[in-house]
Amino acid sequence: SSIDASDTVRYIKWQSEGFAMLSHSTTADTMQNGDCTLSQAKARFIESKQRLNQRGYRAKGWITPSSVLGSDFFDALHDYYSYGYTKYYGEYTGQADPPYFTFNDDPCSLSRIHLDTTLSNLEAALDLTIENNGWMNCYIHASEMNPTKLQKLDDFLTYIDGKIATFDVKCLNPDDAYEYFYQVRRTDI
């Protein structure tokens, strides 16, 4: 593994400050049906979580490499993680597929909106999410970040701050959002 002791200390500190650590497999291999077997998928879920736990991280959530998890593996994912980002969404452009999730959605069948989405579309996605009492998540890989995208992120966070001030929205890390939104487990109903 390429994470050294100083990285571990820094990441644990971030986690103690409210950031969430999600598991992302031990390989970059895709996990669509036919790419691996159920036993291989289970092994990836287990090994990834064990590696993180051994370093002192708490990993409640999962992000599938390449953002797509095969339907054959969803039951196994539920055995190891509370929630998972397992579907590709990409940029929100106003398409019919909603950019948010509701309590009726499987928490192991989530997607993330890429921050390549225009600022006006990010704001529209958030407004739609609020309107439908849902929750949404955005992402960008560190390798994709540049000053323009950083400014857009800052502008979007300012927009979110305005919604927080009027009690329209909560801005939470993925673990806290899961706990808040799924206070009652769907399987308990």
C-alpha atoms as a PDB file:
ATOM      1  CA  SER A   1       0.000   0.000   0.000  1.00  0.00           C
ATOM      2  CA  SER A   2       1.200   3.505  -0.740  1.00  0.00           C
ATOM      3  CA  ILE A   3      -0.146   5.211   2.401  1.00  0.00           C
ATOM      4  CA  ASP A   4       2.638   5.950   4.883  1.00  0.00           C
ATOM      5  CA  ALA A   5       2.367   6.657   8.620  1.00  0.00           C
ATOM      6  CA  SER A   6       2.195  10.445   8.185  1.00  0.00           C
ATOM      7  CA  ASP A   7      -0.690  10.039   5.712  1.00  0.00           C
ATOM      8  CA  THR A   8      -2.502   7.835   8.210  1.00  0.00           C
ATOM      9  CA  VAL A   9      -2.095  10.395  10.990  1.00  0.00           C
ATOM     10  CA  ARG A  10      -3.334  13.184   8.703  1.00  0.00           C
ATOM     11  CA  TYR A  11      -6.351  11.173   7.479  1.00  0.00           C
ATOM     12  CA  ILE A  12      -7.351  10.124  11.013  1.00  0.00           C
ATOM     13  CA  LYS A  13      -7.099  13.773  12.056  1.00  0.00           C
ATOM     14  CA  TRP A  14      -9.372  14.757   9.158  1.00  0.00           C
ATOM     15  CA  GLN A  15     -11.822  12.062  10.163  1.00  0.00           C
ATOM     16  CA  SER A  16     -11.843  13.365  13.747  1.00  0.00           C
ATOM     17  CA  GLU A  17     -12.589  16.840  12.324  1.00  0.00           C
ATOM     18  CA  GLY A  18     -15.711  15.557  10.554  1.00  0.00           C
ATOM     19  CA  PHE A  19     -14.566  14.177   7.219  1.00  0.00           C
ATOM     20  CA  ALA A  20     -15.724  10.717   6.158  1.00  0.00           C
ATOM     21  CA  MET A  21     -13.470   7.931   4.921  1.00  0.00           C
ATOM     22  CA  LEU A  22     -15.132   5.654   2.377  1.00  0.00           C
ATOM     23  CA  SER A  23     -13.811   2.341   1.169  1.00  0.00           C
ATOM     24  CA  HIS A  24     -12.832   2.156  -2.515  1.00  0.00           C
ATOM     25  CA  SER A  25     -11.611  -1.433  -2.995  1.00  0.00           C
ATOM     26  CA  THR A  26      -8.030  -2.664  -2.914  1.00  0.00           C
ATOM     27  CA  THR A  27      -7.723  -2.569  -6.689  1.00  0.00           C
ATOM     28  CA  ALA A  28      -8.909  -0.202  -9.379  1.00  0.00           C
ATOM     29  CA  ASP A  29     -10.588  -3.111 -11.170  1.00  0.00           C
ATOM     30  CA  THR A  30     -14.181  -2.596 -12.255  1.00  0.00           C
ATOM     31  CA  MET A  31     -16.890  -4.564 -10.476  1.00  0.00           C
ATOM     32  CA  GLN A  32     -19.619  -4.927 -13.047  1.00  0.00           C
ATOM     33  CA  ASN A  33     -21.370  -8.254 -13.631  1.00  0.00           C
ATOM     34  CA  GLY A  34     -18.932 -10.505 -15.468  1.00  0.00           C
ATOM     35  CA  ASP A  35     -15.842  -8.534 -14.389  1.00  0.00           C
ATOM     36  CA  CYS A  36     -15.456 -10.544 -11.207  1.00  0.00           C
ATOM     37  CA  THR A  37     -17.207 -13.278  -9.282  1.00  0.00           C
ATOM     38  CA  LEU A  38     -19.328 -12.828  -6.177  1.00  0.00           C
ATOM     39  CA  SER A  39     -16.565 -14.327  -4.024  1.00  0.00           C
ATOM     40  CA  GLN A  40     -14.026 -11.902  -5.546  1.00  0.00           C
ATOM     41  CA  ALA A  41     -16.361  -8.950  -4.872  1.00  0.00           C
ATOM     42  CA  LYS A  42     -16.858 -10.072  -1.262  1.00  0.00           C
ATOM     43  CA  ALA A  43     -13.105 -10.416  -0.846  1.00  0.00           C
ATOM     44  CA  ARG A  44     -12.613  -6.842  -2.120  1.00  0.00           C
ATOM     45  CA  PHE A  45     -15.278  -5.522   0.267  1.00  0.00           C
ATOM     46  CA  ILE A  46     -13.729  -7.341   3.214  1.00  0.00           C
ATOM     47  CA  GLU A  47     -10.058  -6.633   2.435  1.00  0.00           C
ATOM     48  CA  SER A  48     -10.650  -2.946   1.776  1.00  0.00           C
ATOM     49  CA  LYS A  49     -12.571  -2.489   5.023  1.00  0.00           C
ATOM     50  CA  GLN A  50     -10.008  -4.504   6.999  1.00  0.00           C
ATOM     51  CA  ARG A  51      -7.103  -2.441   5.647  1.00  0.00           C
ATOM     52  CA  LEU A  52      -8.834   0.778   6.601  1.00  0.00           C
ATOM     53  CA  ASN A  53      -9.814  -0.525  10.049  1.00  0.00           C
ATOM     54  CA  GLN A  54      -6.235  -1.696  10.710  1.00  0.00           C
ATOM     55  CA  ARG A  55      -5.039   1.865  10.146  1.00  0.00           C
ATOM     56  CA  GLY A  56      -7.672   3.226  12.529  1.00  0.00           C
ATOM     57  CA  TYR A  57     -10.158   4.553   9.977  1.00  0.00           C
ATOM     58  CA  ARG A  58     -13.925   4.112  10.245  1.00  0.00           C
ATOM     59  CA  ALA A  59     -15.395   3.133   6.880  1.00  0.00           C
ATOM     60  CA  LYS A  60     -19.187   2.965   6.815  1.00  0.00           C
ATOM     61  CA  GLY A  61     -19.541   3.679   3.113  1.00  0.00           C
ATOM     62  CA  TRP A  62     -18.296   2.314  -0.195  1.00  0.00           C
ATOM     63  CA  ILE A  63     -17.430   3.934  -3.526  1.00  0.00           C
ATOM     64  CA  THR A  64     -17.184   1.473  -6.410  1.00  0.00           C
ATOM     65  CA  PRO A  65     -14.171   1.808  -8.718  1.00  0.00           C
ATOM     66  CA  SER A  66     -15.409   3.346 -11.991  1.00  0.00           C
ATOM     67  CA  SER A  67     -18.691   4.188 -10.201  1.00  0.00           C
ATOM     68  CA  VAL A  68     -20.641   1.100 -11.337  1.00  0.00           C
ATOM     69  CA  LEU A  69     -21.320  -1.983  -9.220  1.00  0.00           C
ATOM     70  CA  GLY A  70     -22.925  -4.986 -10.868  1.00  0.00           C
ATOM     71  CA  SER A  71     -26.365  -5.931  -9.581  1.00  0.00           C
ATOM     72  CA  ASP A  72     -25.013  -9.384  -8.654  1.00  0.00           C
ATOM     73  CA  PHE A  73     -23.014  -7.773  -5.824  1.00  0.00           C
ATOM     74  CA  PHE A  74     -25.545  -5.509  -4.087  1.00  0.00           C
ATOM     75  CA  ASP A  75     -26.605  -8.042  -1.443  1.00  0.00           C
ATOM     76  CA  ALA A  76     -22.967  -8.635  -0.538  1.00  0.00           C
ATOM     77  CA  LEU A  77     -22.301  -4.894  -0.308  1.00  0.00           C
ATOM     78  CA  HIS A  78     -25.145  -4.605   2.232  1.00  0.00           C
ATOM     79  CA  ASP A  79     -23.330  -7.177   4.391  1.00  0.00           C
ATOM     80  CA  TYR A  80     -20.233  -4.979   4.798  1.00  0.00           C
ATOM     81  CA  TYR A  81     -21.242  -1.319   4.354  1.00  0.00           C
ATOM     82  CA  SER A  82     -24.142   0.897   5.423  1.00  0.00           C
ATOM     83  CA  TYR A  83     -24.269   2.742   2.109  1.00  0.00           C
ATOM     84  CA  GLY A  84     -22.548   2.783  -1.236  1.00  0.00           C
ATOM     85  CA  TYR A  85     -22.012   4.956  -4.280  1.00  0.00           C
ATOM     86  CA  THR A  86     -22.476   2.305  -6.920  1.00  0.00           C
ATOM     87  CA  LYS A  87     -24.057   4.028  -9.913  1.00  0.00           C
ATOM     88  CA  TYR A  88     -22.538   6.475 -12.367  1.00  0.00           C
ATOM     89  CA  TYR A  89     -24.294   9.826 -12.615  1.00  0.00           C
ATOM     90  CA  GLY A  90     -21.722  12.319 -13.907  1.00  0.00           C
ATOM     91  CA  GLU A  91     -22.770  15.890 -14.623  1.00  0.00           C
ATOM     92  CA  TYR A  92     -26.253  17.161 -13.853  1.00  0.00           C
ATOM     93  CA  THR A  93     -27.641  18.929 -16.922  1.00  0.00           C
ATOM     94  CA  GLY A  94     -31.329  18.964 -16.055  1.00  0.00           C
ATOM     95  CA  GLN A  95     -31.949  15.384 -17.214  1.00  0.00           C
ATOM     96  CA  ALA A  96     -35.005  13.467 -16.058  1.00  0.00           C
ATOM     97  CA  ASP A  97     -32.985  11.147 -13.798  1.00  0.00           C
ATOM     98  CA  PRO A  98     -33.108  13.004 -10.458  1.00  0.00           C
ATOM     99  CA  PRO A  99     -29.836  14.211  -8.918  1.00  0.00           C
ATOM    100  CA  TYR A 100     -31.014  13.278  -5.422  1.00  0.00           C
ATOM    101  CA  PHE A 101     -32.092  10.281  -3.336  1.00  0.00           C
ATOM    102  CA  THR A 102     -35.039   9.775  -1.062  1.00  0.00           C
ATOM    103  CA  PHE A 103     -35.650   7.421   1.830  1.00  0.00           C
ATOM    104  CA  ASN A 104     -37.227   5.000  -0.644  1.00  0.00           C
ATOM    105  CA  ASP A 105     -33.912   4.567  -2.479  1.00  0.00           C
ATOM    106  CA  ASP A 106     -31.581   1.749  -1.550  1.00  0.00           C
ATOM    107  CA  PRO A 107     -28.702   3.340   0.415  1.00  0.00           C
ATOM    108  CA  CYS A 108     -26.302   0.992  -1.375  1.00  0.00           C
ATOM    109  CA  SER A 109     -27.448   2.245  -4.761  1.00  0.00           C
ATOM    110  CA  LEU A 110     -26.347   5.891  -4.656  1.00  0.00           C
ATOM    111  CA  SER A 111     -24.597   8.068  -7.224  1.00  0.00           C
ATOM    112  CA  ARG A 112     -22.621  11.313  -7.063  1.00  0.00           C
ATOM    113  CA  ILE A 113     -22.832  14.460  -9.160  1.00  0.00           C
ATOM    114  CA  HIS A 114     -19.531  15.494 -10.686  1.00  0.00           C
ATOM    115  CA  LEU A 115     -18.379  19.040 -10.024  1.00  0.00           C
ATOM    116  CA  ASP A 116     -17.849  19.516 -13.766  1.00  0.00           C
ATOM    117  CA  THR A 117     -21.555  20.389 -13.643  1.00  0.00           C
ATOM    118  CA  THR A 118     -22.089  24.105 -14.251  1.00  0.00           C
ATOM    119  CA  LEU A 119     -22.685  26.243 -11.176  1.00  0.00           C
ATOM    120  CA  SER A 120     -26.234  27.068 -12.281  1.00  0.00           C
ATOM    121  CA  ASN A 121     -26.984  23.357 -12.727  1.00  0.00           C
ATOM    122  CA  LEU A 122     -25.462  22.517  -9.319  1.00  0.00           C
ATOM    123  CA  GLU A 123     -27.726  25.141  -7.780  1.00  0.00           C
ATOM    124  CA  ALA A 124     -30.724  23.756  -9.704  1.00  0.00           C
ATOM    125  CA  ALA A 125     -29.883  20.220  -8.548  1.00  0.00           C
ATOM    126  CA  LEU A 126     -29.720  21.382  -4.930  1.00  0.00           C
ATOM    127  CA  ASP A 127     -33.018  23.259  -5.246  1.00  0.00           C
ATOM    128  CA  LEU A 128     -34.656  20.162  -6.749  1.00  0.00           C
ATOM    129  CA  THR A 129     -33.228  18.050  -3.933  1.00  0.00           C
ATOM    130  CA  ILE A 130     -34.668  20.400  -1.299  1.00  0.00           C
ATOM    131  CA  GLU A 131     -38.015  20.493  -3.089  1.00  0.00           C
ATOM    132  CA  ASN A 132     -38.212  16.685  -2.956  1.00  0.00           C
ATOM    133  CA  ASN A 133     -36.881  16.247   0.601  1.00  0.00           C
ATOM    134  CA  GLY A 134     -33.915  14.329  -0.714  1.00  0.00           C
ATOM    135  CA  TRP A 135     -30.176  14.304  -0.352  1.00  0.00           C
ATOM    136  CA  MET A 136     -27.400  14.577  -2.903  1.00  0.00           C
ATOM    137  CA  ASN A 137     -23.643  14.271  -3.027  1.00  0.00           C
ATOM    138  CA  CYS A 138     -21.057  15.927  -5.242  1.00  0.00           C
ATOM    139  CA  TYR A 139     -17.485  14.892  -5.981  1.00  0.00           C
ATOM    140  CA  ILE A 140     -14.331  15.736  -7.840  1.00  0.00           C
ATOM    141  CA  HIS A 141     -11.045  13.867  -7.890  1.00  0.00           C
ATOM    142  CA  ALA A 142      -8.090  15.803  -6.505  1.00  0.00           C
ATOM    143  CA  SER A 143      -6.236  15.219  -9.785  1.00  0.00           C
ATOM    144  CA  GLU A 144      -9.003  17.111 -11.630  1.00  0.00           C
ATOM    145  CA  MET A 145      -8.935  20.174  -9.393  1.00  0.00           C
ATOM    146  CA  ASN A 146      -7.756  23.489 -10.802  1.00  0.00           C
ATOM    147  CA  PRO A 147      -8.322  27.163  -9.843  1.00  0.00           C
ATOM    148  CA  THR A 148     -11.487  27.464 -11.956  1.00  0.00           C
ATOM    149  CA  LYS A 149     -13.069  24.377 -10.382  1.00  0.00           C
ATOM    150  CA  LEU A 150     -11.951  25.481  -6.936  1.00  0.00           C
ATOM    151  CA  GLN A 151     -13.720  28.822  -7.498  1.00  0.00           C
ATOM    152  CA  LYS A 152     -16.879  27.006  -8.640  1.00  0.00           C
ATOM    153  CA  LEU A 153     -16.745  24.831  -5.526  1.00  0.00           C
ATOM    154  CA  ASP A 154     -16.350  27.930  -3.368  1.00  0.00           C
ATOM    155  CA  ASP A 155     -19.296  29.608  -5.138  1.00  0.00           C
ATOM    156  CA  PHE A 156     -21.448  26.501  -4.691  1.00  0.00           C
ATOM    157  CA  LEU A 157     -20.550  26.308  -0.996  1.00  0.00           C
ATOM    158  CA  THR A 158     -21.591  29.957  -0.660  1.00  0.00           C
ATOM    159  CA  TYR A 159     -24.943  29.035  -2.267  1.00  0.00           C
ATOM    160  CA  ILE A 160     -25.262  26.116   0.180  1.00  0.00           C
ATOM    161  CA  ASP A 161     -24.436  28.446   3.099  1.00  0.00           C
ATOM    162  CA  GLY A 162     -27.402  30.618   2.068  1.00  0.00           C
ATOM    163  CA  LYS A 163     -29.665  27.563   2.169  1.00  0.00           C
ATOM    164  CA  ILE A 164     -28.279  26.538   5.568  1.00  0.00           C
ATOM    165  CA  ALA A 165     -29.009  30.031   6.906  1.00  0.00           C
ATOM    166  CA  THR A 166     -32.682  29.654   5.935  1.00  0.00           C
ATOM    167  CA  PHE A 167     -32.846  26.085   7.311  1.00  0.00           C
ATOM    168  CA  ASP A 168     -33.507  24.611   3.869  1.00  0.00           C
ATOM    169  CA  VAL A 169     -30.515  22.285   3.886  1.00  0.00           C
ATOM    170  CA  LYS A 170     -27.918  20.523   5.980  1.00  0.00           C
ATOM    171  CA  CYS A 171     -24.383  20.158   4.657  1.00  0.00           C
ATOM    172  CA  LEU A 172     -23.028  16.863   6.000  1.00  0.00           C
ATOM    173  CA  ASN A 173     -20.313  14.392   5.187  1.00  0.00           C
ATOM    174  CA  PRO A 174     -21.556  11.123   3.630  1.00  0.00           C
ATOM    175  CA  ASP A 175     -21.536   9.171   6.933  1.00  0.00           C
ATOM    176  CA  ASP A 176     -23.526  11.836   8.770  1.00  0.00           C
ATOM    177  CA  ALA A 177     -25.898  12.293   5.828  1.00  0.00           C
ATOM    178  CA  TYR A 178     -26.597   8.555   5.795  1.00  0.00           C
ATOM    179  CA  GLU A 179     -27.201   8.506   9.569  1.00  0.00           C
ATOM    180  CA  TYR A 180     -29.434  11.592   9.399  1.00  0.00           C
ATOM    181  CA  PHE A 181     -31.429  10.563   6.371  1.00  0.00           C
ATOM    182  CA  TYR A 182     -31.836   6.894   7.230  1.00  0.00           C
ATOM    183  CA  GLN A 183     -32.453   7.295  10.981  1.00  0.00           C
ATOM    184  CA  VAL A 184     -34.716   4.303  10.651  1.00  0.00           C
ATOM    185  CA  ARG A 185     -33.242   1.525   8.563  1.00  0.00           C
ATOM    186  CA  ARG A 186     -35.338   0.664   5.563  1.00  0.00           C
ATOM    187  CA  THR A 187     -35.146  -3.003   6.532  1.00  0.00           C
ATOM    188  CA  ASP A 188     -36.827  -2.192   9.887  1.00  0.00           C
ATOM    189  CA  ILE A 189     -40.019  -0.933   8.258  1.00  0.00           C
END
